[in-house]
Amino acid sequence: MLDKNKVKLGIAPIAWTNDDMPDLGKENTFEQCVSEMALAGFTGSEVGGKYPTDTTVLKKALDMRKIGICNQWFSSFLISKPYEETEKEFVKAIDFLHTMGAKVIGVSEQSYSIQGKLDQPVWEGKYVMNDDEWKLLTDGLNKLGQLAKDKGMTLTFHHHMGTVVQTEQEIDKFMEMVNPELVYLLFDSGHLSFAGIDPVKVLKKYVNRVKHVHLKDIRSEMVEKSKKEKWSFLKGVREGVFTVPGDGDVDFEPIFTVLENAGYEGFVVVEAEQDPAKANPLEYALKARKYIAEKTGL
């Protein structure tokens, strides 16, 4: 069982409206999204594209529903653009999150990423960094991590399909090179499983450096189909590669056990991007909530 005093449960708005493919869930409003999050029993939310950017307006809407902001995706371009460009946007992002009371920001390096290319098979053509780029990335993140720390916040890095940090070897090299006091890991069960990596192995290795958790399930038959038919990452999302915990093929019990044994503190967030026309967001949020309650006591 996870400690309710240490671990909080959140959900991402991507199940209601997909910011990468706005036609998925275009009919779902911000108000509907956060109301259904609350109805399903979640107290934390990540930030979506339809969320008000005015912190006063956003706070009022969330306070009424007893929801807080726990994280926001941030795209860094540390190996393809001048550091100063990323830093400028990062400062804006942490200022916003700090005002909203969030403790974590989730960074993903998007230089040369193929995750957003509709016609690029996710299993082919992934960019591989050279030694200079590895240094640019990790040095830059250490600087951003210090800025976050100065705000009383934590930078977590999101390994992700189609990006420069996807494979087990890349995750290991990344964790070896960054400053462990400034840069932490955003552990995502779905992206590891999609990449063919054992999520339990990675979590056991780095659990003491994990400060944010994405609970994402996969449908193995759709992963195999994505390989066979050379789907892009976004095509995989449309076709249902991902789903909520308890609905797919990831074994979450050992994941929860590792988190429990390590005394994990922070948010665990249901993040499962699907086509809301096929997978009703409230129905799947309730399904995830029930499963997590049964397995963790949260």
C-alpha atoms as a PDB file:
ATOM      1  CA  MET A   1       0.000   0.000   0.000  1.00  0.00           C
ATOM      2  CA  LEU A   2       1.189   3.521  -0.771  1.00  0.00           C
ATOM      3  CA  ASP A   3       1.152   6.141   1.982  1.00  0.00           C
ATOM      4  CA  LYS A   4      -1.701   8.608   1.408  1.00  0.00           C
ATOM      5  CA  ASN A   5       0.224  11.229   3.365  1.00  0.00           C
ATOM      6  CA  LYS A   6       3.160  11.013   0.966  1.00  0.00           C
ATOM      7  CA  VAL A   7       1.671  10.018  -2.387  1.00  0.00           C
ATOM      8  CA  LYS A   8      -0.966  12.015  -4.241  1.00  0.00           C
ATOM      9  CA  LEU A   9      -2.992  10.923  -7.237  1.00  0.00           C
ATOM     10  CA  GLY A  10      -3.249  13.026 -10.375  1.00  0.00           C
ATOM     11  CA  ILE A  11      -4.417  12.672 -13.947  1.00  0.00           C
ATOM     12  CA  ALA A  12      -3.401  14.326 -17.215  1.00  0.00           C
ATOM     13  CA  PRO A  13      -5.888  16.212 -19.422  1.00  0.00           C
ATOM     14  CA  ILE A  14      -4.511  14.508 -22.541  1.00  0.00           C
ATOM     15  CA  ALA A  15      -7.254  11.861 -22.249  1.00  0.00           C
ATOM     16  CA  TRP A  16      -9.846  14.609 -22.808  1.00  0.00           C
ATOM     17  CA  THR A  17      -8.052  16.713 -25.441  1.00  0.00           C
ATOM     18  CA  ASN A  18      -4.779  15.817 -27.136  1.00  0.00           C
ATOM     19  CA  ASP A  19      -2.591  18.896 -27.576  1.00  0.00           C
ATOM     20  CA  ASP A  20      -0.476  17.143 -30.239  1.00  0.00           C
ATOM     21  CA  MET A  21      -3.568  16.192 -32.262  1.00  0.00           C
ATOM     22  CA  PRO A  22      -6.200  18.796 -31.311  1.00  0.00           C
ATOM     23  CA  ASP A  23      -8.941  17.071 -33.324  1.00  0.00           C
ATOM     24  CA  LEU A  24      -8.882  14.339 -30.656  1.00  0.00           C
ATOM     25  CA  GLY A  25     -11.284  15.677 -28.045  1.00  0.00           C
ATOM     26  CA  LYS A  26     -11.819  19.081 -29.656  1.00  0.00           C
ATOM     27  CA  GLU A  27     -15.388  18.931 -28.330  1.00  0.00           C
ATOM     28  CA  ASN A  28     -14.262  18.563 -24.700  1.00  0.00           C
ATOM     29  CA  THR A  29     -13.999  21.855 -22.806  1.00  0.00           C
ATOM     30  CA  PHE A  30     -11.575  22.703 -20.001  1.00  0.00           C
ATOM     31  CA  GLU A  31     -14.488  22.884 -17.567  1.00  0.00           C
ATOM     32  CA  GLN A  32     -15.747  19.426 -18.524  1.00  0.00           C
ATOM     33  CA  CYS A  33     -12.242  18.009 -18.267  1.00  0.00           C
ATOM     34  CA  VAL A  34     -11.495  19.238 -14.731  1.00  0.00           C
ATOM     35  CA  SER A  35     -15.021  18.522 -13.505  1.00  0.00           C
ATOM     36  CA  GLU A  36     -14.724  14.906 -14.645  1.00  0.00           C
ATOM     37  CA  MET A  37     -11.257  14.625 -13.079  1.00  0.00           C
ATOM     38  CA  ALA A  38     -12.772  15.668  -9.756  1.00  0.00           C
ATOM     39  CA  LEU A  39     -15.798  13.422 -10.244  1.00  0.00           C
ATOM     40  CA  ALA A  40     -13.485  10.449 -10.805  1.00  0.00           C
ATOM     41  CA  GLY A  41     -11.662  11.180  -7.539  1.00  0.00           C
ATOM     42  CA  PHE A  42      -8.401  12.820  -8.643  1.00  0.00           C
ATOM     43  CA  THR A  43      -6.842  15.716  -6.729  1.00  0.00           C
ATOM     44  CA  GLY A  44      -3.975  16.617  -9.067  1.00  0.00           C
ATOM     45  CA  SER A  45      -3.790  17.653 -12.705  1.00  0.00           C
ATOM     46  CA  GLU A  46      -1.100  18.352 -15.228  1.00  0.00           C
ATOM     47  CA  VAL A  47      -1.576  21.356 -17.536  1.00  0.00           C
ATOM     48  CA  GLY A  48      -3.305  21.079 -20.896  1.00  0.00           C
ATOM     49  CA  GLY A  49      -3.544  23.396 -23.887  1.00  0.00           C
ATOM     50  CA  LYS A  50      -7.106  24.445 -23.062  1.00  0.00           C
ATOM     51  CA  TYR A  51      -6.236  25.440 -19.483  1.00  0.00           C
ATOM     52  CA  PRO A  52      -6.504  29.183 -18.761  1.00  0.00           C
ATOM     53  CA  THR A  53      -3.084  30.870 -18.732  1.00  0.00           C
ATOM     54  CA  ASP A  54      -4.298  33.457 -16.213  1.00  0.00           C
ATOM     55  CA  THR A  55      -3.308  31.905 -12.878  1.00  0.00           C
ATOM     56  CA  THR A  56      -6.151  33.641 -11.006  1.00  0.00           C
ATOM     57  CA  VAL A  57      -8.765  32.230 -13.374  1.00  0.00           C
ATOM     58  CA  LEU A  58      -7.155  28.780 -13.347  1.00  0.00           C
ATOM     59  CA  LYS A  59      -6.841  28.679  -9.558  1.00  0.00           C
ATOM     60  CA  LYS A  60     -10.490  29.609  -9.081  1.00  0.00           C
ATOM     61  CA  ALA A  61     -11.667  26.867 -11.456  1.00  0.00           C
ATOM     62  CA  LEU A  62      -9.455  24.234  -9.818  1.00  0.00           C
ATOM     63  CA  ASP A  63     -10.114  25.293  -6.228  1.00  0.00           C
ATOM     64  CA  MET A  64     -13.847  24.798  -6.759  1.00  0.00           C
ATOM     65  CA  ARG A  65     -13.094  21.208  -7.738  1.00  0.00           C
ATOM     66  CA  LYS A  66     -10.419  20.620  -5.060  1.00  0.00           C
ATOM     67  CA  ILE A  67      -7.731  19.999  -7.688  1.00  0.00           C
ATOM     68  CA  GLY A  68      -4.159  21.303  -7.752  1.00  0.00           C
ATOM     69  CA  ILE A  69      -1.600  21.540 -10.565  1.00  0.00           C
ATOM     70  CA  CYS A  70       1.198  19.002 -10.119  1.00  0.00           C
ATOM     71  CA  ASN A  71       3.300  19.312 -13.288  1.00  0.00           C
ATOM     72  CA  GLN A  72       3.503  20.671 -16.818  1.00  0.00           C
ATOM     73  CA  TRP A  73       5.240  19.347 -19.925  1.00  0.00           C
ATOM     74  CA  PHE A  74       8.151  21.530 -21.044  1.00  0.00           C
ATOM     75  CA  SER A  75       9.914  21.113 -24.396  1.00  0.00           C
ATOM     76  CA  SER A  76      13.641  21.853 -24.262  1.00  0.00           C
ATOM     77  CA  PHE A  77      15.830  22.331 -27.352  1.00  0.00           C
ATOM     78  CA  LEU A  78      19.216  22.246 -25.687  1.00  0.00           C
ATOM     79  CA  ILE A  79      21.120  20.456 -28.464  1.00  0.00           C
ATOM     80  CA  SER A  80      19.668  22.344 -31.433  1.00  0.00           C
ATOM     81  CA  LYS A  81      19.169  25.938 -30.209  1.00  0.00           C
ATOM     82  CA  PRO A  82      21.153  28.382 -28.074  1.00  0.00           C
ATOM     83  CA  TYR A  83      20.796  27.569 -24.362  1.00  0.00           C
ATOM     84  CA  GLU A  84      19.441  31.053 -23.637  1.00  0.00           C
ATOM     85  CA  GLU A  85      16.320  30.425 -25.759  1.00  0.00           C
ATOM     86  CA  THR A  86      15.339  27.382 -23.714  1.00  0.00           C
ATOM     87  CA  GLU A  87      16.182  29.094 -20.431  1.00  0.00           C
ATOM     88  CA  LYS A  88      13.937  32.071 -21.239  1.00  0.00           C
ATOM     89  CA  GLU A  89      10.931  29.811 -21.851  1.00  0.00           C
ATOM     90  CA  PHE A  90      11.804  27.609 -18.873  1.00  0.00           C
ATOM     91  CA  VAL A  91      11.776  30.574 -16.488  1.00  0.00           C
ATOM     92  CA  LYS A  92       8.292  31.534 -17.721  1.00  0.00           C
ATOM     93  CA  ALA A  93       7.112  27.964 -17.185  1.00  0.00           C
ATOM     94  CA  ILE A  94       8.460  27.608 -13.637  1.00  0.00           C
ATOM     95  CA  ASP A  95       7.111  31.037 -12.690  1.00  0.00           C
ATOM     96  CA  PHE A  96       3.648  29.906 -13.808  1.00  0.00           C
ATOM     97  CA  LEU A  97       3.903  26.541 -12.054  1.00  0.00           C
ATOM     98  CA  HIS A  98       5.281  28.092  -8.870  1.00  0.00           C
ATOM     99  CA  THR A  99       2.330  30.484  -8.744  1.00  0.00           C
ATOM    100  CA  MET A 100       0.021  27.475  -9.153  1.00  0.00           C
ATOM    101  CA  GLY A 101       1.708  25.689  -6.255  1.00  0.00           C
ATOM    102  CA  ALA A 102       3.317  22.930  -8.322  1.00  0.00           C
ATOM    103  CA  LYS A 103       6.584  21.424  -7.113  1.00  0.00           C
ATOM    104  CA  VAL A 104       7.644  19.685 -10.334  1.00  0.00           C
ATOM    105  CA  ILE A 105       8.253  20.498 -13.993  1.00  0.00           C
ATOM    106  CA  GLY A 106       8.586  17.702 -16.563  1.00  0.00           C
ATOM    107  CA  VAL A 107      11.175  18.403 -19.261  1.00  0.00           C
ATOM    108  CA  SER A 108      11.536  16.503 -22.532  1.00  0.00           C
ATOM    109  CA  GLU A 109      14.307  17.235 -25.031  1.00  0.00           C
ATOM    110  CA  GLN A 110      12.509  17.814 -28.328  1.00  0.00           C
ATOM    111  CA  SER A 111      15.467  18.515 -30.609  1.00  0.00           C
ATOM    112  CA  TYR A 112      15.174  16.190 -33.620  1.00  0.00           C
ATOM    113  CA  SER A 113      12.258  14.344 -31.990  1.00  0.00           C
ATOM    114  CA  ILE A 114      10.206  12.145 -34.300  1.00  0.00           C
ATOM    115  CA  GLN A 115       7.303  11.757 -31.860  1.00  0.00           C
ATOM    116  CA  GLY A 116       5.239  14.480 -33.539  1.00  0.00           C
ATOM    117  CA  LYS A 117       5.841  13.466 -37.167  1.00  0.00           C
ATOM    118  CA  LEU A 118       2.705  11.880 -38.560  1.00  0.00           C
ATOM    119  CA  ASP A 119       4.471  10.143 -41.451  1.00  0.00           C
ATOM    120  CA  GLN A 120       7.580   8.950 -39.552  1.00  0.00           C
ATOM    121  CA  PRO A 121       7.499   5.380 -38.180  1.00  0.00           C
ATOM    122  CA  VAL A 122       8.354   5.605 -34.478  1.00  0.00           C
ATOM    123  CA  TRP A 123      10.523   2.498 -34.754  1.00  0.00           C
ATOM    124  CA  GLU A 124      12.771   3.997 -37.450  1.00  0.00           C
ATOM    125  CA  GLY A 125      14.962   7.053 -37.780  1.00  0.00           C
ATOM    126  CA  LYS A 126      15.331   8.022 -34.136  1.00  0.00           C
ATOM    127  CA  TYR A 127      18.074  10.621 -33.657  1.00  0.00           C
ATOM    128  CA  VAL A 128      21.175   9.468 -31.774  1.00  0.00           C
ATOM    129  CA  MET A 129      23.279  12.076 -29.972  1.00  0.00           C
ATOM    130  CA  ASN A 130      27.048  12.409 -30.281  1.00  0.00           C
ATOM    131  CA  ASP A 131      29.292  13.083 -27.273  1.00  0.00           C
ATOM    132  CA  ASP A 132      29.148  16.867 -27.690  1.00  0.00           C
ATOM    133  CA  GLU A 133      25.351  16.784 -27.799  1.00  0.00           C
ATOM    134  CA  TRP A 134      25.183  14.611 -24.692  1.00  0.00           C
ATOM    135  CA  LYS A 135      27.273  17.235 -22.883  1.00  0.00           C
ATOM    136  CA  LEU A 136      25.140  20.089 -24.213  1.00  0.00           C
ATOM    137  CA  LEU A 137      21.974  18.337 -23.039  1.00  0.00           C
ATOM    138  CA  THR A 138      23.129  17.369 -19.570  1.00  0.00           C
ATOM    139  CA  ASP A 139      24.985  20.619 -18.848  1.00  0.00           C
ATOM    140  CA  GLY A 140      21.962  22.603 -19.972  1.00  0.00           C
ATOM    141  CA  LEU A 141      19.603  20.555 -17.820  1.00  0.00           C
ATOM    142  CA  ASN A 142      21.864  20.992 -14.806  1.00  0.00           C
ATOM    143  CA  LYS A 143      21.571  24.770 -15.271  1.00  0.00           C
ATOM    144  CA  LEU A 144      17.787  24.568 -15.633  1.00  0.00           C
ATOM    145  CA  GLY A 145      17.640  22.248 -12.640  1.00  0.00           C
ATOM    146  CA  GLN A 146      19.428  24.867 -10.541  1.00  0.00           C
ATOM    147  CA  LEU A 147      16.895  27.502 -11.623  1.00  0.00           C
ATOM    148  CA  ALA A 148      14.073  25.180 -10.585  1.00  0.00           C
ATOM    149  CA  LYS A 149      15.758  24.396  -7.273  1.00  0.00           C
ATOM    150  CA  ASP A 150      16.165  28.116  -6.557  1.00  0.00           C
ATOM    151  CA  LYS A 151      12.356  28.333  -6.841  1.00  0.00           C
ATOM    152  CA  GLY A 152      11.864  25.431  -4.461  1.00  0.00           C
ATOM    153  CA  MET A 153      10.917  23.215  -7.402  1.00  0.00           C
ATOM    154  CA  THR A 154      12.279  20.048  -9.011  1.00  0.00           C
ATOM    155  CA  LEU A 155      13.212  19.404 -12.637  1.00  0.00           C
ATOM    156  CA  THR A 156      12.236  15.913 -13.737  1.00  0.00           C
ATOM    157  CA  PHE A 157      13.279  14.565 -17.134  1.00  0.00           C
ATOM    158  CA  HIS A 158      10.770  12.634 -19.236  1.00  0.00           C
ATOM    159  CA  HIS A 159      12.307   9.786 -21.269  1.00  0.00           C
ATOM    160  CA  HIS A 160       9.989   9.413 -24.257  1.00  0.00           C
ATOM    161  CA  MET A 161       9.444   7.374 -27.421  1.00  0.00           C
ATOM    162  CA  GLY A 162      10.884   9.046 -30.497  1.00  0.00           C
ATOM    163  CA  THR A 163      13.211  11.382 -28.586  1.00  0.00           C
ATOM    164  CA  VAL A 164      16.953  11.403 -27.927  1.00  0.00           C
ATOM    165  CA  VAL A 165      16.449   9.664 -24.563  1.00  0.00           C
ATOM    166  CA  GLN A 166      14.334   6.587 -25.254  1.00  0.00           C
ATOM    167  CA  THR A 167      16.377   3.407 -24.841  1.00  0.00           C
ATOM    168  CA  GLU A 168      17.558   1.797 -21.618  1.00  0.00           C
ATOM    169  CA  GLN A 169      21.160   2.606 -22.540  1.00  0.00           C
ATOM    170  CA  GLU A 170      20.266   6.249 -23.153  1.00  0.00           C
ATOM    171  CA  ILE A 171      18.438   6.498 -19.823  1.00  0.00           C
ATOM    172  CA  ASP A 172      21.446   4.975 -18.033  1.00  0.00           C
ATOM    173  CA  LYS A 173      23.891   7.355 -19.721  1.00  0.00           C
ATOM    174  CA  PHE A 174      21.627  10.313 -18.988  1.00  0.00           C
ATOM    175  CA  MET A 175      21.310   9.452 -15.304  1.00  0.00           C
ATOM    176  CA  GLU A 176      25.075   8.985 -15.076  1.00  0.00           C
ATOM    177  CA  MET A 177      25.841  12.377 -16.617  1.00  0.00           C
ATOM    178  CA  VAL A 178      23.350  14.739 -14.928  1.00  0.00           C
ATOM    179  CA  ASN A 179      23.822  16.204 -11.463  1.00  0.00           C
ATOM    180  CA  PRO A 180      21.672  13.981  -9.191  1.00  0.00           C
ATOM    181  CA  GLU A 181      20.923  16.939  -6.932  1.00  0.00           C
ATOM    182  CA  LEU A 182      19.543  19.065  -9.774  1.00  0.00           C
ATOM    183  CA  VAL A 183      17.984  16.724 -12.339  1.00  0.00           C
ATOM    184  CA  TYR A 184      15.604  13.887 -11.493  1.00  0.00           C
ATOM    185  CA  LEU A 185      13.721  11.261 -13.472  1.00  0.00           C
ATOM    186  CA  LEU A 186      10.104  11.339 -14.548  1.00  0.00           C
ATOM    187  CA  PHE A 187       9.335   7.604 -14.601  1.00  0.00           C
ATOM    188  CA  ASP A 188       6.817   6.598 -17.277  1.00  0.00           C
ATOM    189  CA  SER A 189       5.683   2.964 -17.245  1.00  0.00           C
ATOM    190  CA  GLY A 190       4.067   3.238 -20.674  1.00  0.00           C
ATOM    191  CA  HIS A 191       6.990   4.699 -22.595  1.00  0.00           C
ATOM    192  CA  LEU A 192       9.362   2.139 -21.109  1.00  0.00           C
ATOM    193  CA  SER A 193       7.004  -0.725 -21.951  1.00  0.00           C
ATOM    194  CA  PHE A 194       6.380   0.612 -25.472  1.00  0.00           C
ATOM    195  CA  ALA A 195      10.155   0.755 -26.011  1.00  0.00           C
ATOM    196  CA  GLY A 196      10.493  -2.876 -24.910  1.00  0.00           C
ATOM    197  CA  ILE A 197      12.164  -1.986 -21.615  1.00  0.00           C
ATOM    198  CA  ASP A 198      11.247  -3.624 -18.290  1.00  0.00           C
ATOM    199  CA  PRO A 199       9.811  -0.717 -16.254  1.00  0.00           C
ATOM    200  CA  VAL A 200      10.405  -2.500 -12.930  1.00  0.00           C
ATOM    201  CA  LYS A 201      14.133  -2.883 -13.671  1.00  0.00           C
ATOM    202  CA  VAL A 202      14.496   0.832 -14.438  1.00  0.00           C
ATOM    203  CA  LEU A 203      12.438   1.872 -11.422  1.00  0.00           C
ATOM    204  CA  LYS A 204      14.425  -0.341  -9.038  1.00  0.00           C
ATOM    205  CA  LYS A 205      17.649   1.192 -10.338  1.00  0.00           C
ATOM    206  CA  TYR A 206      16.573   4.826 -10.072  1.00  0.00           C
ATOM    207  CA  VAL A 207      13.643   4.961  -7.639  1.00  0.00           C
ATOM    208  CA  ASN A 208      15.544   7.245  -5.253  1.00  0.00           C
ATOM    209  CA  ARG A 209      16.000   9.721  -8.097  1.00  0.00           C
ATOM    210  CA  VAL A 210      12.384   9.578  -9.305  1.00  0.00           C
ATOM    211  CA  LYS A 211      10.313  12.644  -8.390  1.00  0.00           C
ATOM    212  CA  HIS A 212       7.272  12.208 -10.653  1.00  0.00           C
ATOM    213  CA  VAL A 213       5.507   9.107 -11.964  1.00  0.00           C
ATOM    214  CA  HIS A 214       3.328   8.618 -15.044  1.00  0.00           C
ATOM    215  CA  LEU A 215       1.095   5.568 -14.768  1.00  0.00           C
ATOM    216  CA  LYS A 216       0.500   4.575 -18.383  1.00  0.00           C
ATOM    217  CA  ASP A 217      -0.539   1.156 -19.650  1.00  0.00           C
ATOM    218  CA  ILE A 218      -0.050  -0.373 -23.108  1.00  0.00           C
ATOM    219  CA  ARG A 219      -1.951  -2.810 -25.280  1.00  0.00           C
ATOM    220  CA  SER A 220       0.746  -5.228 -26.425  1.00  0.00           C
ATOM    221  CA  GLU A 221      -1.095  -6.323 -29.550  1.00  0.00           C
ATOM    222  CA  MET A 222      -1.258  -2.684 -30.699  1.00  0.00           C
ATOM    223  CA  VAL A 223       2.459  -2.209 -30.006  1.00  0.00           C
ATOM    224  CA  GLU A 224       3.209  -5.211 -32.216  1.00  0.00           C
ATOM    225  CA  LYS A 225       0.879  -3.857 -34.890  1.00  0.00           C
ATOM    226  CA  SER A 226       2.637  -0.484 -34.733  1.00  0.00           C
ATOM    227  CA  LYS A 227       5.950  -2.236 -35.472  1.00  0.00           C
ATOM    228  CA  LYS A 228       4.546  -4.419 -38.229  1.00  0.00           C
ATOM    229  CA  GLU A 229       2.633  -1.634 -39.968  1.00  0.00           C
ATOM    230  CA  LYS A 230       5.291   1.044 -39.339  1.00  0.00           C
ATOM    231  CA  TRP A 231       3.054   3.460 -37.456  1.00  0.00           C
ATOM    232  CA  SER A 232       4.162   6.883 -36.311  1.00  0.00           C
ATOM    233  CA  PHE A 233       3.963   7.605 -32.585  1.00  0.00           C
ATOM    234  CA  LEU A 234       0.799   9.666 -33.069  1.00  0.00           C
ATOM    235  CA  LYS A 235      -0.802   6.963 -35.239  1.00  0.00           C
ATOM    236  CA  GLY A 236      -0.150   4.578 -32.346  1.00  0.00           C
ATOM    237  CA  VAL A 237      -1.956   6.944 -29.987  1.00  0.00           C
ATOM    238  CA  ARG A 238      -4.947   7.140 -32.340  1.00  0.00           C
ATOM    239  CA  GLU A 239      -5.096   3.378 -32.688  1.00  0.00           C
ATOM    240  CA  GLY A 240      -4.953   2.708 -28.943  1.00  0.00           C
ATOM    241  CA  VAL A 241      -1.373   1.703 -28.079  1.00  0.00           C
ATOM    242  CA  PHE A 242      -1.866   3.383 -24.690  1.00  0.00           C
ATOM    243  CA  THR A 243      -4.576   2.958 -22.065  1.00  0.00           C
ATOM    244  CA  VAL A 244      -5.117   3.514 -18.350  1.00  0.00           C
ATOM    245  CA  PRO A 245      -3.568   1.314 -15.626  1.00  0.00           C
ATOM    246  CA  GLY A 246      -5.372  -1.980 -15.246  1.00  0.00           C
ATOM    247  CA  ASP A 247      -6.770  -1.963 -18.785  1.00  0.00           C
ATOM    248  CA  GLY A 248      -3.673  -3.163 -20.638  1.00  0.00           C
ATOM    249  CA  ASP A 249      -0.673  -5.437 -20.286  1.00  0.00           C
ATOM    250  CA  VAL A 250       1.689  -3.633 -17.891  1.00  0.00           C
ATOM    251  CA  ASP A 251       1.977  -5.375 -14.515  1.00  0.00           C
ATOM    252  CA  PHE A 252       1.660  -2.478 -12.083  1.00  0.00           C
ATOM    253  CA  GLU A 253       1.812  -4.423  -8.824  1.00  0.00           C
ATOM    254  CA  PRO A 254       5.634  -4.716  -8.743  1.00  0.00           C
ATOM    255  CA  ILE A 255       5.867  -1.027  -9.744  1.00  0.00           C
ATOM    256  CA  PHE A 256       3.697  -0.041  -6.795  1.00  0.00           C
ATOM    257  CA  THR A 257       5.746  -2.307  -4.518  1.00  0.00           C
ATOM    258  CA  VAL A 258       9.042  -0.660  -5.522  1.00  0.00           C
ATOM    259  CA  LEU A 259       7.548   2.803  -4.922  1.00  0.00           C
ATOM    260  CA  GLU A 260       6.162   1.693  -1.555  1.00  0.00           C
ATOM    261  CA  ASN A 261       9.420   0.103  -0.372  1.00  0.00           C
ATOM    262  CA  ALA A 262      11.391   3.218  -1.352  1.00  0.00           C
ATOM    263  CA  GLY A 263       9.015   5.513   0.542  1.00  0.00           C
ATOM    264  CA  TYR A 264       8.248   7.455  -2.647  1.00  0.00           C
ATOM    265  CA  GLU A 265       6.846  10.933  -2.062  1.00  0.00           C
ATOM    266  CA  GLY A 266       5.108  12.906  -4.789  1.00  0.00           C
ATOM    267  CA  PHE A 267       2.469  12.464  -7.437  1.00  0.00           C
ATOM    268  CA  VAL A 268       1.544   9.379  -9.390  1.00  0.00           C
ATOM    269  CA  VAL A 269      -0.312  10.563 -12.469  1.00  0.00           C
ATOM    270  CA  VAL A 270      -2.593   8.613 -14.800  1.00  0.00           C
ATOM    271  CA  GLU A 271      -1.527   9.666 -18.266  1.00  0.00           C
ATOM    272  CA  ALA A 272      -3.016   7.672 -21.100  1.00  0.00           C
ATOM    273  CA  GLU A 273      -3.569   9.429 -24.377  1.00  0.00           C
ATOM    274  CA  GLN A 274      -6.316   7.783 -26.401  1.00  0.00           C
ATOM    275  CA  ASP A 275      -8.996   8.892 -28.837  1.00  0.00           C
ATOM    276  CA  PRO A 276     -11.757  10.123 -26.483  1.00  0.00           C
ATOM    277  CA  ALA A 277     -14.358   9.176 -29.093  1.00  0.00           C
ATOM    278  CA  LYS A 278     -13.282   5.539 -28.610  1.00  0.00           C
ATOM    279  CA  ALA A 279     -12.304   5.689 -24.930  1.00  0.00           C
ATOM    280  CA  ASN A 280     -14.667   7.950 -22.965  1.00  0.00           C
ATOM    281  CA  PRO A 281     -12.373   9.993 -20.681  1.00  0.00           C
ATOM    282  CA  LEU A 282     -14.603   9.873 -17.592  1.00  0.00           C
ATOM    283  CA  GLU A 283     -15.230   6.142 -17.975  1.00  0.00           C
ATOM    284  CA  TYR A 284     -11.508   5.421 -18.265  1.00  0.00           C
ATOM    285  CA  ALA A 285     -10.609   7.833 -15.453  1.00  0.00           C
ATOM    286  CA  LEU A 286     -13.047   5.967 -13.176  1.00  0.00           C
ATOM    287  CA  LYS A 287     -11.588   2.641 -14.309  1.00  0.00           C
ATOM    288  CA  ALA A 288      -8.059   3.826 -13.478  1.00  0.00           C
ATOM    289  CA  ARG A 289      -9.143   5.275 -10.146  1.00  0.00           C
ATOM    290  CA  LYS A 290     -10.793   2.014  -9.095  1.00  0.00           C
ATOM    291  CA  TYR A 291      -7.781  -0.076 -10.120  1.00  0.00           C
ATOM    292  CA  ILE A 292      -5.273   2.164  -8.312  1.00  0.00           C
ATOM    293  CA  ALA A 293      -7.421   2.204  -5.161  1.00  0.00           C
ATOM    294  CA  GLU A 294      -7.556  -1.606  -5.182  1.00  0.00           C
ATOM    295  CA  LYS A 295      -3.817  -2.025  -5.718  1.00  0.00           C
ATOM    296  CA  THR A 296      -2.381   0.828  -3.611  1.00  0.00           C
ATOM    297  CA  GLY A 297      -4.996   1.983  -1.109  1.00  0.00           C
ATOM    298  CA  LEU A 298      -4.803   5.536  -2.470  1.00  0.00           C
END
